[in-house]
């Protein structure tokens, strides 16, 4: 099994080399012999830690995302007066803005997400993001929260695929996600306001 990175771990020479190759030369350039040469270590040492190339890339992505993509995530509820849209987009910006400065890491992320290690990467991300997401969605109807998760997850995966295929720029991802979240939350809050209004009206009529 791949050994996960330790939260806050820095200075991991092996994983630093893999990240450097991913960022500067791309996913396909990560070859174990070249990694061993640059990290000044042996193939045997690498195999003890990560049995396959895919496991090594997964470990490097987890290492990088702990330091960049998930580093700013804080677990707290919505601030007083903040809309559901504002709170959700605050979380999504924290997650996605690092990709804009590191587009090759996003390509690598999508490649791994689409590979046999995809579920491991998904579970890793879920463990990092879920507590903050649950706080943001506190008080939201369970049915809507489930639907929101399905829709937004599908949109994000589709956007990552389009970016990796060269169809959109990395800076297009957040604006599209922003509009998606805006209309979903606006529809939910409008329906909720209407429901409350109807309840008040029924109570008034029965008084």
N, C-alpha and C. Protein backbone atom coordinates (compact mmCIF):
# COMPACT_ATOMS: atom_id res chain seq x y z
N UNK A 1 0.84 -1.20 0.00
CA UNK A 1 0.00 0.00 0.00
C UNK A 1 0.87 1.25 0.00
N UNK A 2 0.36 2.34 -0.57
CA UNK A 2 1.07 3.60 -0.53
C UNK A 2 1.07 4.16 0.87
N UNK A 3 2.21 4.64 1.32
CA UNK A 3 2.27 5.26 2.63
C UNK A 3 1.80 6.70 2.52
N UNK A 4 0.74 7.08 3.23
CA UNK A 4 0.22 8.44 3.11
C UNK A 4 1.18 9.44 3.71
N UNK A 5 1.09 10.64 3.21
CA UNK A 5 1.90 11.71 3.77
C UNK A 5 1.38 12.10 5.14
N UNK A 6 2.26 12.56 5.98
CA UNK A 6 1.86 13.02 7.30
C UNK A 6 1.46 14.48 7.21
N UNK A 7 0.30 14.89 7.80
CA UNK A 7 -0.11 16.28 7.74
C UNK A 7 1.01 17.18 8.23
N UNK A 8 1.28 18.22 7.43
CA UNK A 8 2.31 19.15 7.83
C UNK A 8 3.71 18.69 7.48
N UNK A 9 3.84 17.50 6.83
CA UNK A 9 5.15 16.97 6.49
C UNK A 9 5.78 17.84 5.41
N UNK A 10 7.05 18.20 5.57
CA UNK A 10 7.76 19.00 4.59
C UNK A 10 9.13 18.37 4.36
N UNK A 11 9.76 18.73 3.24
CA UNK A 11 11.11 18.29 3.00
C UNK A 11 11.25 16.83 2.66
N UNK A 12 10.22 16.21 2.06
CA UNK A 12 10.30 14.83 1.63
C UNK A 12 10.97 14.82 0.25
N UNK A 13 12.25 14.50 0.21
CA UNK A 13 13.02 14.63 -1.01
C UNK A 13 12.43 13.81 -2.14
N UNK A 14 12.05 12.58 -1.88
CA UNK A 14 11.50 11.72 -2.92
C UNK A 14 10.25 12.32 -3.54
N UNK A 15 9.31 12.73 -2.70
CA UNK A 15 8.05 13.27 -3.21
C UNK A 15 8.25 14.66 -3.81
N UNK A 16 9.20 15.43 -3.28
CA UNK A 16 9.51 16.72 -3.89
C UNK A 16 9.99 16.55 -5.33
N UNK A 17 10.79 15.52 -5.57
CA UNK A 17 11.27 15.26 -6.93
C UNK A 17 10.11 14.90 -7.85
N UNK A 18 9.20 14.05 -7.38
CA UNK A 18 8.05 13.66 -8.20
C UNK A 18 7.18 14.88 -8.51
N UNK A 19 6.93 15.71 -7.51
CA UNK A 19 6.13 16.92 -7.73
C UNK A 19 6.82 17.83 -8.75
N UNK A 20 8.13 17.98 -8.63
CA UNK A 20 8.87 18.84 -9.56
C UNK A 20 8.74 18.32 -10.99
N UNK A 21 8.83 17.01 -11.17
CA UNK A 21 8.68 16.44 -12.51
C UNK A 21 7.26 16.65 -13.04
N UNK A 22 6.27 16.41 -12.19
CA UNK A 22 4.88 16.60 -12.59
C UNK A 22 4.63 18.04 -13.04
N UNK A 23 5.17 18.99 -12.30
CA UNK A 23 4.92 20.41 -12.60
C UNK A 23 5.66 20.89 -13.83
N UNK A 24 6.86 20.40 -14.05
CA UNK A 24 7.69 20.94 -15.12
C UNK A 24 7.69 20.11 -16.40
N UNK A 25 7.49 18.79 -16.26
CA UNK A 25 7.60 17.92 -17.43
C UNK A 25 6.33 17.11 -17.70
N UNK A 26 5.45 17.02 -16.71
CA UNK A 26 4.19 16.34 -16.92
C UNK A 26 4.14 14.92 -16.38
N UNK A 27 2.95 14.40 -16.38
CA UNK A 27 2.64 13.09 -15.77
C UNK A 27 3.48 11.96 -16.36
N UNK A 28 3.57 11.92 -17.68
CA UNK A 28 4.25 10.80 -18.34
C UNK A 28 5.75 10.81 -18.11
N UNK A 29 6.30 11.94 -17.68
CA UNK A 29 7.74 12.04 -17.45
C UNK A 29 8.17 11.40 -16.13
N UNK A 30 7.21 11.07 -15.27
CA UNK A 30 7.55 10.44 -13.99
C UNK A 30 7.90 8.98 -14.24
N UNK A 31 9.20 8.69 -14.24
CA UNK A 31 9.70 7.34 -14.41
C UNK A 31 10.56 6.99 -13.20
N UNK A 32 10.41 5.79 -12.68
CA UNK A 32 11.03 5.45 -11.39
C UNK A 32 12.55 5.58 -11.41
N UNK A 33 13.21 5.17 -12.49
CA UNK A 33 14.66 5.28 -12.54
C UNK A 33 15.11 6.74 -12.50
N UNK A 34 14.38 7.59 -13.23
CA UNK A 34 14.72 9.01 -13.23
C UNK A 34 14.45 9.64 -11.88
N UNK A 35 13.35 9.26 -11.24
CA UNK A 35 13.04 9.76 -9.89
C UNK A 35 14.15 9.35 -8.92
N UNK A 36 14.57 8.09 -8.99
CA UNK A 36 15.62 7.60 -8.10
C UNK A 36 16.92 8.38 -8.32
N UNK A 37 17.24 8.65 -9.59
CA UNK A 37 18.47 9.39 -9.89
C UNK A 37 18.43 10.80 -9.31
N UNK A 38 17.32 11.51 -9.53
CA UNK A 38 17.23 12.89 -9.05
C UNK A 38 17.12 12.97 -7.54
N UNK A 39 16.48 11.97 -6.93
CA UNK A 39 16.32 11.98 -5.47
C UNK A 39 17.54 11.39 -4.76
N UNK A 40 18.50 10.90 -5.58
CA UNK A 40 19.72 10.29 -5.03
C UNK A 40 19.38 9.15 -4.07
N UNK A 41 18.53 8.26 -4.56
CA UNK A 41 18.13 7.10 -3.78
C UNK A 41 18.11 5.89 -4.71
N UNK A 42 17.76 4.75 -4.18
CA UNK A 42 17.74 3.53 -4.99
C UNK A 42 16.31 3.15 -5.36
N UNK A 43 16.20 2.36 -6.44
CA UNK A 43 14.89 1.84 -6.82
C UNK A 43 14.31 0.97 -5.71
N UNK A 44 15.17 0.23 -5.02
CA UNK A 44 14.69 -0.64 -3.94
C UNK A 44 14.03 0.19 -2.84
N UNK A 45 14.62 1.35 -2.52
CA UNK A 45 14.04 2.22 -1.50
C UNK A 45 12.68 2.73 -1.94
N UNK A 46 12.57 3.10 -3.21
CA UNK A 46 11.28 3.58 -3.73
C UNK A 46 10.25 2.47 -3.68
N UNK A 47 10.62 1.28 -4.10
CA UNK A 47 9.66 0.16 -4.12
C UNK A 47 9.18 -0.22 -2.72
N UNK A 48 10.05 -0.05 -1.73
CA UNK A 48 9.63 -0.34 -0.36
C UNK A 48 8.53 0.62 0.09
N UNK A 49 8.62 1.83 -0.40
CA UNK A 49 7.66 2.86 0.01
C UNK A 49 6.41 2.85 -0.87
N UNK A 50 6.62 2.75 -2.16
CA UNK A 50 5.52 2.77 -3.13
C UNK A 50 5.76 1.67 -4.15
N UNK A 51 4.99 0.59 -4.08
CA UNK A 51 5.25 -0.58 -4.93
C UNK A 51 5.18 -0.32 -6.43
N UNK A 52 4.40 0.69 -6.86
CA UNK A 52 4.25 0.96 -8.29
C UNK A 52 4.42 2.44 -8.58
N UNK A 53 4.62 2.75 -9.84
CA UNK A 53 4.71 4.14 -10.29
C UNK A 53 3.42 4.90 -9.96
N UNK A 54 2.28 4.26 -10.18
CA UNK A 54 0.99 4.90 -9.88
C UNK A 54 0.88 5.24 -8.39
N UNK A 55 1.35 4.34 -7.53
CA UNK A 55 1.31 4.59 -6.09
C UNK A 55 2.21 5.77 -5.72
N UNK A 56 3.36 5.88 -6.40
CA UNK A 56 4.28 6.99 -6.13
C UNK A 56 3.66 8.32 -6.53
N UNK A 57 3.02 8.35 -7.68
CA UNK A 57 2.37 9.59 -8.13
C UNK A 57 1.21 9.95 -7.20
N UNK A 58 0.44 8.96 -6.77
CA UNK A 58 -0.63 9.20 -5.81
C UNK A 58 -0.08 9.80 -4.52
N UNK A 59 1.01 9.23 -4.00
CA UNK A 59 1.60 9.75 -2.77
C UNK A 59 2.08 11.18 -2.95
N UNK A 60 2.65 11.48 -4.13
CA UNK A 60 3.12 12.85 -4.40
C UNK A 60 1.96 13.83 -4.47
N UNK A 61 0.85 13.41 -5.06
CA UNK A 61 -0.32 14.28 -5.13
C UNK A 61 -0.90 14.55 -3.74
N UNK A 62 -0.98 13.51 -2.92
CA UNK A 62 -1.47 13.69 -1.56
C UNK A 62 -0.56 14.65 -0.80
N UNK A 63 0.72 14.48 -0.96
CA UNK A 63 1.72 15.32 -0.31
C UNK A 63 1.55 16.78 -0.74
N UNK A 64 1.41 16.99 -2.05
CA UNK A 64 1.27 18.35 -2.58
C UNK A 64 -0.05 19.00 -2.15
N UNK A 65 -1.13 18.25 -2.22
CA UNK A 65 -2.43 18.84 -1.90
C UNK A 65 -2.57 19.18 -0.42
N UNK A 66 -1.91 18.43 0.44
CA UNK A 66 -1.93 18.79 1.86
C UNK A 66 -1.28 20.14 2.07
N UNK A 67 -0.26 20.44 1.30
CA UNK A 67 0.48 21.69 1.47
C UNK A 67 -0.13 22.86 0.72
N UNK A 68 -0.87 22.58 -0.34
CA UNK A 68 -1.38 23.66 -1.19
C UNK A 68 -2.90 23.68 -1.27
N UNK A 69 -3.47 22.64 -1.86
CA UNK A 69 -4.90 22.66 -2.17
C UNK A 69 -5.77 22.64 -0.93
N UNK A 70 -5.37 21.92 0.10
CA UNK A 70 -6.21 21.80 1.30
C UNK A 70 -5.64 22.56 2.49
N UNK A 71 -4.53 23.24 2.30
CA UNK A 71 -3.84 23.87 3.43
C UNK A 71 -4.68 24.96 4.10
N UNK A 72 -5.50 25.66 3.31
CA UNK A 72 -6.25 26.78 3.88
C UNK A 72 -7.65 26.44 4.34
N UNK A 73 -8.03 25.17 4.27
CA UNK A 73 -9.39 24.78 4.65
C UNK A 73 -9.56 24.86 6.16
N UNK A 74 -10.56 25.59 6.59
CA UNK A 74 -10.87 25.69 8.01
C UNK A 74 -12.27 25.16 8.24
N UNK A 75 -12.45 24.44 9.34
CA UNK A 75 -13.75 23.87 9.66
C UNK A 75 -14.51 24.85 10.55
N UNK A 76 -15.44 25.56 9.96
CA UNK A 76 -16.31 26.46 10.73
C UNK A 76 -17.60 26.65 9.97
N UNK A 77 -18.63 27.02 10.68
CA UNK A 77 -19.93 27.21 10.06
C UNK A 77 -20.01 28.52 9.31
N UNK A 78 -21.15 28.75 8.69
CA UNK A 78 -21.35 30.00 7.97
C UNK A 78 -21.31 31.19 8.92
N UNK A 79 -20.67 32.26 8.47
CA UNK A 79 -20.63 33.47 9.26
C UNK A 79 -22.02 34.11 9.29
N UNK A 80 -22.36 34.84 10.36
CA UNK A 80 -23.67 35.49 10.42
C UNK A 80 -23.92 36.38 9.21
N UNK A 81 -25.04 36.17 8.57
CA UNK A 81 -25.40 36.96 7.40
C UNK A 81 -24.87 36.42 6.09
N UNK A 82 -23.99 35.43 6.14
CA UNK A 82 -23.43 34.86 4.90
C UNK A 82 -24.44 33.92 4.26
N UNK A 83 -24.59 34.04 2.96
CA UNK A 83 -25.50 33.15 2.24
C UNK A 83 -24.83 31.79 2.05
N UNK A 84 -25.65 30.80 1.71
CA UNK A 84 -25.12 29.47 1.43
C UNK A 84 -24.16 29.54 0.24
N UNK A 85 -24.52 30.34 -0.76
CA UNK A 85 -23.66 30.52 -1.93
C UNK A 85 -22.29 31.07 -1.53
N UNK A 86 -22.27 32.12 -0.72
CA UNK A 86 -21.00 32.72 -0.30
C UNK A 86 -20.13 31.72 0.46
N UNK A 87 -20.75 30.98 1.35
CA UNK A 87 -20.00 30.02 2.17
C UNK A 87 -19.42 28.89 1.31
N UNK A 88 -20.23 28.37 0.39
CA UNK A 88 -19.76 27.29 -0.47
C UNK A 88 -18.64 27.75 -1.39
N UNK A 89 -18.80 28.94 -1.97
CA UNK A 89 -17.77 29.41 -2.89
C UNK A 89 -16.49 29.78 -2.15
N UNK A 90 -16.60 30.21 -0.90
CA UNK A 90 -15.40 30.44 -0.12
C UNK A 90 -14.60 29.16 0.04
N UNK A 91 -15.31 28.06 0.28
CA UNK A 91 -14.65 26.76 0.40
C UNK A 91 -14.07 26.31 -0.94
N UNK A 92 -14.84 26.44 -2.02
CA UNK A 92 -14.36 26.00 -3.33
C UNK A 92 -13.17 26.83 -3.81
N UNK A 93 -13.17 28.12 -3.50
CA UNK A 93 -12.01 28.94 -3.91
C UNK A 93 -10.76 28.50 -3.19
N UNK A 94 -10.90 28.17 -1.91
CA UNK A 94 -9.75 27.69 -1.15
C UNK A 94 -9.19 26.41 -1.77
N UNK A 95 -10.08 25.57 -2.26
CA UNK A 95 -9.66 24.29 -2.83
C UNK A 95 -9.07 24.47 -4.23
N UNK A 96 -9.71 25.30 -5.06
CA UNK A 96 -9.36 25.32 -6.48
C UNK A 96 -8.37 26.41 -6.89
N UNK A 97 -8.24 27.49 -6.15
CA UNK A 97 -7.31 28.54 -6.57
C UNK A 97 -5.87 28.06 -6.69
N UNK A 98 -5.37 27.15 -5.81
CA UNK A 98 -4.00 26.66 -6.02
C UNK A 98 -3.78 25.99 -7.37
N UNK A 99 -4.82 25.37 -7.92
CA UNK A 99 -4.66 24.73 -9.23
C UNK A 99 -4.33 25.76 -10.29
N UNK A 100 -4.85 26.97 -10.17
CA UNK A 100 -4.63 27.98 -11.21
C UNK A 100 -3.15 28.34 -11.33
N UNK A 101 -2.42 28.22 -10.24
CA UNK A 101 -0.98 28.49 -10.26
C UNK A 101 -0.16 27.23 -10.56
N UNK A 102 -0.82 26.07 -10.53
CA UNK A 102 -0.12 24.80 -10.74
C UNK A 102 -0.95 23.91 -11.68
N UNK A 103 -1.17 24.34 -12.93
CA UNK A 103 -2.07 23.60 -13.81
C UNK A 103 -1.61 22.17 -14.11
N UNK A 104 -0.30 21.93 -14.15
CA UNK A 104 0.16 20.57 -14.44
C UNK A 104 -0.19 19.61 -13.30
N UNK A 105 -0.28 20.13 -12.08
CA UNK A 105 -0.70 19.29 -10.97
C UNK A 105 -2.17 18.92 -11.10
N UNK A 106 -2.95 19.82 -11.69
CA UNK A 106 -4.37 19.51 -11.93
C UNK A 106 -4.50 18.42 -12.99
N UNK A 107 -3.67 18.48 -14.02
CA UNK A 107 -3.68 17.43 -15.03
C UNK A 107 -3.33 16.09 -14.38
N UNK A 108 -2.30 16.10 -13.53
CA UNK A 108 -1.90 14.87 -12.84
C UNK A 108 -3.02 14.37 -11.95
N UNK A 109 -3.69 15.30 -11.25
CA UNK A 109 -4.81 14.92 -10.39
C UNK A 109 -5.89 14.21 -11.20
N UNK A 110 -6.24 14.78 -12.35
CA UNK A 110 -7.29 14.17 -13.17
C UNK A 110 -6.86 12.82 -13.70
N UNK A 111 -5.60 12.68 -14.09
CA UNK A 111 -5.10 11.39 -14.58
C UNK A 111 -5.21 10.32 -13.50
N UNK A 112 -4.82 10.67 -12.28
CA UNK A 112 -4.91 9.70 -11.18
C UNK A 112 -6.37 9.43 -10.83
N UNK A 113 -7.18 10.49 -10.84
CA UNK A 113 -8.60 10.33 -10.51
C UNK A 113 -9.30 9.39 -11.49
N UNK A 114 -8.79 9.32 -12.71
CA UNK A 114 -9.39 8.47 -13.74
C UNK A 114 -8.73 7.09 -13.81
N UNK A 115 -7.78 6.83 -12.92
CA UNK A 115 -7.02 5.58 -12.93
C UNK A 115 -7.55 4.62 -11.86
N UNK A 116 -6.98 3.42 -11.76
CA UNK A 116 -7.39 2.49 -10.70
C UNK A 116 -7.20 3.06 -9.29
N UNK A 117 -6.30 4.04 -9.14
CA UNK A 117 -6.10 4.68 -7.83
C UNK A 117 -7.09 5.82 -7.58
N UNK A 118 -8.03 6.00 -8.51
CA UNK A 118 -8.96 7.12 -8.41
C UNK A 118 -9.76 7.15 -7.12
N UNK A 119 -10.23 5.99 -6.68
CA UNK A 119 -11.03 5.94 -5.46
C UNK A 119 -10.20 6.28 -4.22
N UNK A 120 -8.93 5.89 -4.23
CA UNK A 120 -8.06 6.25 -3.11
C UNK A 120 -7.90 7.76 -3.04
N UNK A 121 -7.69 8.39 -4.20
CA UNK A 121 -7.54 9.84 -4.23
C UNK A 121 -8.84 10.53 -3.84
N UNK A 122 -9.97 9.98 -4.29
CA UNK A 122 -11.27 10.55 -3.93
C UNK A 122 -11.50 10.48 -2.42
N UNK A 123 -11.20 9.32 -1.82
CA UNK A 123 -11.40 9.18 -0.37
C UNK A 123 -10.49 10.11 0.40
N UNK A 124 -9.26 10.27 -0.07
CA UNK A 124 -8.33 11.20 0.57
C UNK A 124 -8.90 12.62 0.55
N UNK A 125 -9.39 13.06 -0.61
CA UNK A 125 -9.96 14.40 -0.71
C UNK A 125 -11.20 14.56 0.14
N UNK A 126 -12.02 13.52 0.16
CA UNK A 126 -13.25 13.57 0.96
C UNK A 126 -12.93 13.72 2.43
N UNK A 127 -11.92 13.00 2.91
CA UNK A 127 -11.54 13.09 4.32
C UNK A 127 -11.06 14.49 4.68
N UNK A 128 -10.42 15.17 3.73
CA UNK A 128 -9.90 16.50 3.98
C UNK A 128 -10.99 17.57 3.92
N UNK A 129 -11.93 17.40 3.00
CA UNK A 129 -12.92 18.45 2.72
C UNK A 129 -14.23 18.25 3.47
N UNK A 130 -14.62 17.00 3.71
CA UNK A 130 -15.95 16.70 4.26
C UNK A 130 -16.27 17.44 5.55
N UNK A 131 -15.37 17.51 6.54
CA UNK A 131 -15.72 18.22 7.78
C UNK A 131 -16.09 19.69 7.54
N UNK A 132 -15.31 20.37 6.68
CA UNK A 132 -15.62 21.78 6.39
C UNK A 132 -16.93 21.89 5.62
N UNK A 133 -17.15 20.98 4.67
CA UNK A 133 -18.39 20.99 3.90
C UNK A 133 -19.61 20.75 4.76
N UNK A 134 -19.50 19.86 5.72
CA UNK A 134 -20.63 19.56 6.61
C UNK A 134 -20.99 20.77 7.46
N UNK A 135 -19.99 21.52 7.88
CA UNK A 135 -20.26 22.73 8.67
C UNK A 135 -20.96 23.79 7.82
N UNK A 136 -20.51 23.96 6.58
CA UNK A 136 -21.13 24.93 5.68
C UNK A 136 -22.58 24.57 5.41
N UNK A 137 -22.87 23.26 5.29
CA UNK A 137 -24.21 22.81 4.95
C UNK A 137 -25.09 22.54 6.17
N UNK A 138 -24.60 22.88 7.35
CA UNK A 138 -25.40 22.68 8.57
C UNK A 138 -26.72 23.43 8.45
N UNK A 139 -27.82 22.73 8.72
CA UNK A 139 -29.14 23.35 8.64
C UNK A 139 -29.79 23.25 7.28
N UNK A 140 -29.05 22.77 6.30
CA UNK A 140 -29.59 22.61 4.95
C UNK A 140 -30.31 21.27 4.86
N UNK A 141 -31.41 21.24 4.11
CA UNK A 141 -32.17 20.01 3.95
C UNK A 141 -31.27 18.89 3.42
N UNK A 142 -31.39 17.70 3.99
CA UNK A 142 -30.55 16.58 3.59
C UNK A 142 -30.72 16.25 2.10
N UNK A 143 -31.95 16.32 1.62
CA UNK A 143 -32.21 15.98 0.22
C UNK A 143 -31.48 16.93 -0.72
N UNK A 144 -31.53 18.24 -0.37
CA UNK A 144 -30.84 19.21 -1.21
C UNK A 144 -29.33 19.02 -1.11
N UNK A 145 -28.81 18.76 0.08
CA UNK A 145 -27.37 18.55 0.25
C UNK A 145 -26.89 17.38 -0.59
N UNK A 146 -27.68 16.30 -0.62
CA UNK A 146 -27.33 15.14 -1.44
C UNK A 146 -27.34 15.49 -2.92
N UNK A 147 -28.40 16.20 -3.36
CA UNK A 147 -28.49 16.59 -4.77
C UNK A 147 -27.36 17.54 -5.14
N UNK A 148 -27.04 18.48 -4.26
CA UNK A 148 -25.96 19.43 -4.50
C UNK A 148 -24.64 18.69 -4.70
N UNK A 149 -24.40 17.72 -3.85
CA UNK A 149 -23.16 16.95 -3.94
C UNK A 149 -23.06 16.22 -5.28
N UNK A 150 -24.15 15.59 -5.71
CA UNK A 150 -24.15 14.85 -6.97
C UNK A 150 -23.90 15.79 -8.15
N UNK A 151 -24.62 16.90 -8.17
CA UNK A 151 -24.51 17.82 -9.31
C UNK A 151 -23.13 18.47 -9.35
N UNK A 152 -22.69 19.01 -8.22
CA UNK A 152 -21.41 19.73 -8.20
C UNK A 152 -20.24 18.79 -8.47
N UNK A 153 -20.28 17.58 -7.90
CA UNK A 153 -19.22 16.61 -8.16
C UNK A 153 -19.14 16.27 -9.64
N UNK A 154 -20.29 16.09 -10.27
CA UNK A 154 -20.32 15.77 -11.70
C UNK A 154 -19.80 16.94 -12.54
N UNK A 155 -20.19 18.14 -12.17
CA UNK A 155 -19.72 19.34 -12.89
C UNK A 155 -18.20 19.46 -12.77
N UNK A 156 -17.69 19.30 -11.55
CA UNK A 156 -16.25 19.43 -11.33
C UNK A 156 -15.48 18.38 -12.14
N UNK A 157 -15.92 17.14 -12.10
CA UNK A 157 -15.24 16.08 -12.83
C UNK A 157 -15.25 16.38 -14.33
N UNK A 158 -16.39 16.86 -14.82
CA UNK A 158 -16.47 17.21 -16.23
C UNK A 158 -15.55 18.36 -16.59
N UNK A 159 -15.46 19.37 -15.72
CA UNK A 159 -14.58 20.51 -15.98
C UNK A 159 -13.12 20.10 -15.97
N UNK A 160 -12.75 19.21 -15.06
CA UNK A 160 -11.37 18.74 -15.01
C UNK A 160 -11.03 17.98 -16.29
N UNK A 161 -11.98 17.19 -16.78
CA UNK A 161 -11.75 16.46 -18.01
C UNK A 161 -11.60 17.40 -19.20
N UNK A 162 -12.43 18.42 -19.28
CA UNK A 162 -12.34 19.39 -20.38
C UNK A 162 -11.04 20.16 -20.32
N UNK A 163 -10.61 20.53 -19.09
CA UNK A 163 -9.33 21.22 -18.97
C UNK A 163 -8.18 20.32 -19.40
N UNK A 164 -8.19 19.08 -18.95
CA UNK A 164 -7.11 18.15 -19.28
C UNK A 164 -7.04 17.88 -20.78
N UNK A 165 -8.20 17.97 -21.45
CA UNK A 165 -8.25 17.76 -22.90
C UNK A 165 -7.92 19.03 -23.68
N UNK A 166 -7.69 20.15 -22.97
CA UNK A 166 -7.34 21.40 -23.63
C UNK A 166 -8.53 22.18 -24.15
N UNK A 167 -9.75 21.83 -23.71
CA UNK A 167 -10.94 22.49 -24.21
C UNK A 167 -11.22 23.81 -23.49
N UNK A 168 -10.82 23.91 -22.22
CA UNK A 168 -11.00 25.14 -21.46
C UNK A 168 -9.70 25.45 -20.72
N UNK A 169 -9.56 26.71 -20.31
CA UNK A 169 -8.39 27.12 -19.54
C UNK A 169 -8.60 26.79 -18.07
N UNK A 170 -7.51 26.68 -17.33
CA UNK A 170 -7.63 26.37 -15.90
C UNK A 170 -8.39 27.47 -15.17
N UNK A 171 -8.29 28.72 -15.67
CA UNK A 171 -8.98 29.84 -15.04
C UNK A 171 -10.47 29.89 -15.37
N UNK A 172 -10.93 28.99 -16.23
CA UNK A 172 -12.38 28.92 -16.54
C UNK A 172 -13.12 28.08 -15.51
N UNK A 173 -12.41 27.27 -14.75
CA UNK A 173 -13.07 26.29 -13.88
C UNK A 173 -13.86 26.97 -12.77
N UNK A 174 -13.23 27.85 -12.02
CA UNK A 174 -13.93 28.49 -10.89
C UNK A 174 -15.12 29.33 -11.34
N UNK A 175 -15.03 30.15 -12.39
CA UNK A 175 -16.21 30.91 -12.81
C UNK A 175 -17.40 30.04 -13.19
N UNK A 176 -17.15 28.91 -13.87
CA UNK A 176 -18.25 28.00 -14.23
C UNK A 176 -18.83 27.37 -12.96
N UNK A 177 -17.96 26.96 -12.06
CA UNK A 177 -18.43 26.39 -10.80
C UNK A 177 -19.20 27.42 -10.00
N UNK A 178 -18.74 28.66 -10.03
CA UNK A 178 -19.41 29.76 -9.32
C UNK A 178 -20.85 29.91 -9.81
N UNK A 179 -21.04 29.92 -11.13
CA UNK A 179 -22.39 30.08 -11.68
C UNK A 179 -23.27 28.89 -11.33
N UNK A 180 -22.69 27.69 -11.36
CA UNK A 180 -23.45 26.49 -11.02
C UNK A 180 -23.95 26.55 -9.58
N UNK A 181 -23.05 26.88 -8.66
CA UNK A 181 -23.42 26.95 -7.24
C UNK A 181 -24.42 28.08 -7.00
N UNK A 182 -24.23 29.20 -7.69
CA UNK A 182 -25.15 30.33 -7.52
C UNK A 182 -26.58 29.94 -7.86
N UNK A 183 -26.78 29.33 -9.02
CA UNK A 183 -28.15 29.01 -9.44
C UNK A 183 -28.75 27.88 -8.61
N UNK A 184 -27.92 26.92 -8.21
CA UNK A 184 -28.44 25.84 -7.37
C UNK A 184 -28.88 26.37 -6.01
N UNK A 185 -28.06 27.18 -5.39
CA UNK A 185 -28.40 27.69 -4.06
C UNK A 185 -29.51 28.73 -4.12
N UNK A 186 -29.54 29.51 -5.20
CA UNK A 186 -30.61 30.49 -5.33
C UNK A 186 -31.96 29.80 -5.46
N UNK A 187 -32.01 28.73 -6.25
CA UNK A 187 -33.25 27.98 -6.40
C UNK A 187 -33.68 27.35 -5.09
N UNK A 188 -32.71 26.79 -4.35
CA UNK A 188 -33.02 26.17 -3.06
C UNK A 188 -33.56 27.20 -2.07
N UNK A 189 -32.88 28.34 -1.95
CA UNK A 189 -33.29 29.34 -0.97
C UNK A 189 -34.62 29.97 -1.35
N UNK A 190 -34.88 30.13 -2.65
CA UNK A 190 -36.18 30.67 -3.09
C UNK A 190 -37.30 29.69 -2.74
N UNK A 191 -37.06 28.40 -2.97
CA UNK A 191 -38.07 27.39 -2.64
C UNK A 191 -38.30 27.33 -1.14
N UNK A 192 -37.24 27.49 -0.38
CA UNK A 192 -37.36 27.44 1.07
C UNK A 192 -38.14 28.65 1.59
N UNK A 193 -37.87 29.82 1.02
CA UNK A 193 -38.60 31.03 1.42
C UNK A 193 -40.08 30.91 1.09
N UNK A 194 -40.36 30.36 -0.09
CA UNK A 194 -41.75 30.16 -0.49
C UNK A 194 -42.45 29.19 0.44
N UNK A 195 -41.75 28.13 0.83
CA UNK A 195 -42.34 27.13 1.73
C UNK A 195 -42.65 27.74 3.09
N UNK A 196 -41.73 28.57 3.61
CA UNK A 196 -41.96 29.23 4.89
C UNK A 196 -43.14 30.18 4.79
N UNK A 197 -43.23 30.91 3.67
CA UNK A 197 -44.34 31.84 3.48
C UNK A 197 -45.68 31.14 3.45
N UNK A 198 -45.72 29.99 2.80
CA UNK A 198 -46.97 29.23 2.74
C UNK A 198 -47.35 28.70 4.11
N UNK A 199 -46.36 28.30 4.90
CA UNK A 199 -46.64 27.81 6.26
C UNK A 199 -47.21 28.92 7.12
N UNK A 200 -46.62 30.11 7.01
CA UNK A 200 -47.11 31.27 7.78
C UNK A 200 -48.53 31.61 7.37
N UNK A 201 -48.81 31.55 6.05
CA UNK A 201 -50.14 31.87 5.55
C UNK A 201 -51.17 30.87 6.07
N UNK A 202 -50.80 29.58 6.09
CA UNK A 202 -51.73 28.57 6.60
C UNK A 202 -52.03 28.79 8.06
N UNK A 203 -50.98 29.16 8.83
CA UNK A 203 -51.17 29.40 10.26
C UNK A 203 -52.08 30.61 10.46
N UNK A 204 -51.90 31.65 9.62
CA UNK A 204 -52.73 32.85 9.76
C UNK A 204 -54.18 32.55 9.43
N UNK A 205 -54.40 31.73 8.42
CA UNK A 205 -55.78 31.41 8.01
C UNK A 205 -56.50 30.53 9.04
N UNK A 206 -55.70 29.74 9.77
CA UNK A 206 -56.34 28.85 10.74
C UNK A 206 -56.51 29.52 12.10
N UNK A 207 -55.93 30.73 12.27
CA UNK A 207 -56.02 31.40 13.55
C UNK A 207 -57.42 31.96 13.78
